[in-house]
Amino acid sequence: MSVTKVIRKARRRHNCDGCWAQIQPGDSYLTHTALSGDDYYHDALDRDTLKPANRPIRIKECAGCATRYGRGHFLEAPE
């Protein structure tokens, strides 16, 4: 997966792309962006057409999945 990670705070309800849990407004979550040339990008399909992707792919990850897969430290508040 791409190393491009961004911490976001939800303004509306989203589904996590890992476990389909609800990300509620105010919750922090990670977005990963896979660009052309990334390993994950070549295996991915466009969600709308189910054909190989031809644009950047953005994946939303809830705090539960981030913690489960070892990326929970990205969501911690800086001190």
N, C-alpha and C. Protein backbone atom coordinates (compact mmCIF):
# COMPACT_ATOMS: atom_id res chain seq x y z
N MET A 1 0.84 -1.18 0.00
CA MET A 1 0.00 0.00 0.00
C MET A 1 0.89 1.24 0.00
N SER A 2 0.35 2.28 -0.47
CA SER A 2 1.10 3.53 -0.57
C SER A 2 1.51 4.05 0.80
N VAL A 3 2.59 4.80 0.83
CA VAL A 3 3.01 5.43 2.06
C VAL A 3 2.39 6.81 2.23
N THR A 4 1.58 7.24 1.27
CA THR A 4 0.91 8.53 1.38
C THR A 4 -0.27 8.38 2.32
N LYS A 5 -0.11 8.91 3.56
CA LYS A 5 -1.16 8.79 4.57
C LYS A 5 -1.52 10.18 5.06
N VAL A 6 -2.79 10.43 5.26
CA VAL A 6 -3.26 11.71 5.77
C VAL A 6 -4.25 11.44 6.90
N ILE A 7 -4.11 12.17 7.99
CA ILE A 7 -5.07 12.07 9.09
C ILE A 7 -6.18 13.09 8.81
N ARG A 8 -7.40 12.63 8.87
CA ARG A 8 -8.54 13.51 8.64
C ARG A 8 -9.52 13.39 9.79
N LYS A 9 -10.32 14.41 9.98
CA LYS A 9 -11.41 14.40 10.95
C LYS A 9 -12.70 14.43 10.14
N ALA A 10 -13.57 13.45 10.35
CA ALA A 10 -14.78 13.31 9.55
C ALA A 10 -15.76 14.46 9.81
N ARG A 11 -16.30 15.00 8.73
CA ARG A 11 -17.35 16.01 8.84
C ARG A 11 -18.72 15.39 8.56
N ARG A 12 -18.70 14.24 7.93
CA ARG A 12 -19.94 13.50 7.69
C ARG A 12 -19.64 12.01 7.86
N ARG A 13 -20.67 11.20 7.80
CA ARG A 13 -20.51 9.76 8.01
C ARG A 13 -19.88 9.10 6.78
N HIS A 14 -18.91 8.22 7.04
CA HIS A 14 -18.24 7.46 5.99
C HIS A 14 -18.25 5.99 6.39
N ASN A 15 -18.03 5.13 5.42
CA ASN A 15 -17.77 3.72 5.70
C ASN A 15 -16.27 3.49 5.61
N CYS A 16 -15.75 2.70 6.52
CA CYS A 16 -14.36 2.28 6.47
C CYS A 16 -14.21 1.31 5.30
N ASP A 17 -13.16 1.46 4.52
CA ASP A 17 -12.96 0.56 3.39
C ASP A 17 -12.35 -0.77 3.80
N GLY A 18 -11.92 -0.90 5.06
CA GLY A 18 -11.36 -2.15 5.54
C GLY A 18 -12.38 -3.07 6.16
N CYS A 19 -13.27 -2.51 6.99
CA CYS A 19 -14.21 -3.37 7.73
C CYS A 19 -15.66 -2.91 7.57
N TRP A 20 -15.89 -1.86 6.84
CA TRP A 20 -17.23 -1.30 6.60
C TRP A 20 -17.89 -0.76 7.86
N ALA A 21 -17.12 -0.49 8.90
CA ALA A 21 -17.65 0.18 10.10
C ALA A 21 -17.97 1.62 9.74
N GLN A 22 -18.83 2.24 10.51
CA GLN A 22 -19.19 3.64 10.29
C GLN A 22 -18.15 4.56 10.94
N ILE A 23 -17.64 5.50 10.18
CA ILE A 23 -16.79 6.57 10.70
C ILE A 23 -17.73 7.75 10.93
N GLN A 24 -17.93 8.12 12.19
CA GLN A 24 -18.91 9.15 12.55
C GLN A 24 -18.29 10.54 12.47
N PRO A 25 -19.12 11.57 12.27
CA PRO A 25 -18.60 12.94 12.28
C PRO A 25 -17.83 13.23 13.57
N GLY A 26 -16.66 13.83 13.42
CA GLY A 26 -15.79 14.12 14.56
C GLY A 26 -14.73 13.07 14.81
N ASP A 27 -14.89 11.86 14.25
CA ASP A 27 -13.89 10.80 14.41
C ASP A 27 -12.68 11.07 13.52
N SER A 28 -11.50 10.72 14.00
CA SER A 28 -10.30 10.78 13.18
C SER A 28 -10.17 9.48 12.40
N TYR A 29 -9.68 9.59 11.17
CA TYR A 29 -9.46 8.40 10.36
C TYR A 29 -8.30 8.67 9.42
N LEU A 30 -7.75 7.62 8.84
CA LEU A 30 -6.64 7.74 7.91
C LEU A 30 -7.14 7.60 6.49
N THR A 31 -6.53 8.33 5.57
CA THR A 31 -6.75 8.07 4.16
C THR A 31 -5.40 7.69 3.55
N HIS A 32 -5.43 6.69 2.72
CA HIS A 32 -4.25 6.23 2.00
C HIS A 32 -4.52 6.51 0.53
N THR A 33 -3.54 7.03 -0.17
CA THR A 33 -3.70 7.30 -1.59
C THR A 33 -2.69 6.48 -2.36
N ALA A 34 -3.18 5.65 -3.26
CA ALA A 34 -2.31 4.84 -4.11
C ALA A 34 -2.23 5.52 -5.47
N LEU A 35 -1.01 5.81 -5.89
CA LEU A 35 -0.77 6.47 -7.17
C LEU A 35 -0.20 5.47 -8.16
N SER A 36 -0.24 5.84 -9.41
CA SER A 36 0.35 5.00 -10.44
C SER A 36 1.80 4.72 -10.09
N GLY A 37 2.21 3.48 -10.12
CA GLY A 37 3.56 3.10 -9.74
C GLY A 37 3.63 2.43 -8.37
N ASP A 38 2.61 2.61 -7.53
CA ASP A 38 2.56 1.93 -6.23
C ASP A 38 2.18 0.47 -6.44
N ASP A 39 2.65 -0.39 -5.54
CA ASP A 39 2.34 -1.82 -5.65
C ASP A 39 0.85 -2.08 -5.59
N TYR A 40 0.15 -1.43 -4.66
CA TYR A 40 -1.28 -1.67 -4.48
C TYR A 40 -2.08 -1.23 -5.71
N TYR A 41 -1.64 -0.18 -6.37
CA TYR A 41 -2.38 0.41 -7.49
C TYR A 41 -2.59 -0.58 -8.62
N HIS A 42 -1.60 -1.39 -8.92
CA HIS A 42 -1.69 -2.30 -10.07
C HIS A 42 -2.68 -3.43 -9.85
N ASP A 43 -2.99 -3.77 -8.60
CA ASP A 43 -3.93 -4.84 -8.30
C ASP A 43 -5.35 -4.32 -8.10
N ALA A 44 -5.53 -3.01 -8.03
CA ALA A 44 -6.83 -2.44 -7.67
C ALA A 44 -7.73 -2.24 -8.87
N LEU A 45 -9.02 -2.28 -8.59
CA LEU A 45 -10.04 -2.01 -9.61
C LEU A 45 -10.78 -0.72 -9.26
N ASP A 46 -11.23 -0.02 -10.26
CA ASP A 46 -12.07 1.16 -10.06
C ASP A 46 -13.39 0.69 -9.48
N ARG A 47 -13.85 1.31 -8.38
CA ARG A 47 -15.08 0.87 -7.72
C ARG A 47 -16.32 1.03 -8.59
N ASP A 48 -16.33 2.03 -9.45
CA ASP A 48 -17.51 2.30 -10.25
C ASP A 48 -17.62 1.38 -11.47
N THR A 49 -16.50 1.11 -12.13
CA THR A 49 -16.54 0.35 -13.38
C THR A 49 -16.01 -1.07 -13.24
N LEU A 50 -15.33 -1.39 -12.13
CA LEU A 50 -14.69 -2.70 -11.90
C LEU A 50 -13.67 -3.04 -12.97
N LYS A 51 -13.08 -2.00 -13.58
CA LYS A 51 -11.99 -2.17 -14.52
C LYS A 51 -10.71 -1.71 -13.84
N PRO A 52 -9.55 -2.03 -14.39
CA PRO A 52 -8.31 -1.55 -13.75
C PRO A 52 -8.33 -0.03 -13.55
N ALA A 53 -7.81 0.38 -12.44
CA ALA A 53 -7.85 1.80 -12.07
C ALA A 53 -6.98 2.62 -13.01
N ASN A 54 -7.47 3.81 -13.35
CA ASN A 54 -6.68 4.72 -14.19
C ASN A 54 -6.56 6.10 -13.55
N ARG A 55 -6.85 6.17 -12.25
CA ARG A 55 -6.70 7.42 -11.49
C ARG A 55 -6.28 7.05 -10.08
N PRO A 56 -5.82 8.00 -9.27
CA PRO A 56 -5.42 7.67 -7.90
C PRO A 56 -6.57 7.03 -7.11
N ILE A 57 -6.23 6.09 -6.26
CA ILE A 57 -7.22 5.38 -5.45
C ILE A 57 -7.10 5.88 -4.02
N ARG A 58 -8.20 6.31 -3.41
CA ARG A 58 -8.19 6.79 -2.03
C ARG A 58 -8.94 5.79 -1.17
N ILE A 59 -8.31 5.36 -0.07
CA ILE A 59 -8.87 4.36 0.83
C ILE A 59 -9.03 4.99 2.21
N LYS A 60 -10.24 4.87 2.80
CA LYS A 60 -10.49 5.38 4.15
C LYS A 60 -10.33 4.23 5.14
N GLU A 61 -9.65 4.53 6.27
CA GLU A 61 -9.40 3.51 7.28
C GLU A 61 -9.80 4.05 8.65
N CYS A 62 -10.71 3.37 9.33
CA CYS A 62 -11.17 3.80 10.65
C CYS A 62 -10.07 3.57 11.70
N ALA A 63 -10.27 4.14 12.88
CA ALA A 63 -9.29 4.01 13.96
C ALA A 63 -9.11 2.55 14.37
N GLY A 64 -10.18 1.77 14.35
CA GLY A 64 -10.09 0.35 14.71
C GLY A 64 -9.18 -0.43 13.77
N CYS A 65 -9.35 -0.20 12.47
CA CYS A 65 -8.50 -0.88 11.49
C CYS A 65 -7.06 -0.37 11.57
N ALA A 66 -6.89 0.93 11.76
CA ALA A 66 -5.54 1.49 11.87
C ALA A 66 -4.81 0.86 13.05
N THR A 67 -5.49 0.69 14.17
CA THR A 67 -4.89 0.06 15.34
C THR A 67 -4.60 -1.41 15.06
N ARG A 68 -5.55 -2.10 14.47
CA ARG A 68 -5.41 -3.53 14.18
C ARG A 68 -4.22 -3.81 13.27
N TYR A 69 -3.95 -2.93 12.31
CA TYR A 69 -2.87 -3.16 11.34
C TYR A 69 -1.60 -2.38 11.64
N GLY A 70 -1.48 -1.87 12.89
CA GLY A 70 -0.23 -1.25 13.32
C GLY A 70 -0.03 0.19 12.89
N ARG A 71 -1.11 0.88 12.51
CA ARG A 71 -0.99 2.28 12.12
C ARG A 71 -1.73 3.21 13.08
N GLY A 72 -2.12 2.71 14.24
CA GLY A 72 -2.87 3.50 15.21
C GLY A 72 -2.08 4.67 15.76
N HIS A 73 -0.76 4.56 15.79
CA HIS A 73 0.06 5.65 16.32
C HIS A 73 -0.05 6.91 15.46
N PHE A 74 -0.45 6.79 14.21
CA PHE A 74 -0.64 7.97 13.36
C PHE A 74 -1.81 8.82 13.84
N LEU A 75 -2.80 8.20 14.51
CA LEU A 75 -3.99 8.91 14.95
C LEU A 75 -3.84 9.56 16.32
N GLU A 76 -2.75 9.26 17.03
CA GLU A 76 -2.56 9.83 18.37
C GLU A 76 -2.31 11.32 18.27
N ALA A 77 -2.82 12.06 19.24
CA ALA A 77 -2.63 13.52 19.27
C ALA A 77 -1.18 13.85 19.55
N PRO A 78 -0.60 14.79 18.81
CA PRO A 78 0.79 15.18 19.08
C PRO A 78 0.89 15.92 20.41
N GLU A 79 1.99 15.68 21.12
CA GLU A 79 2.17 16.31 22.43
C GLU A 79 3.07 17.51 22.36
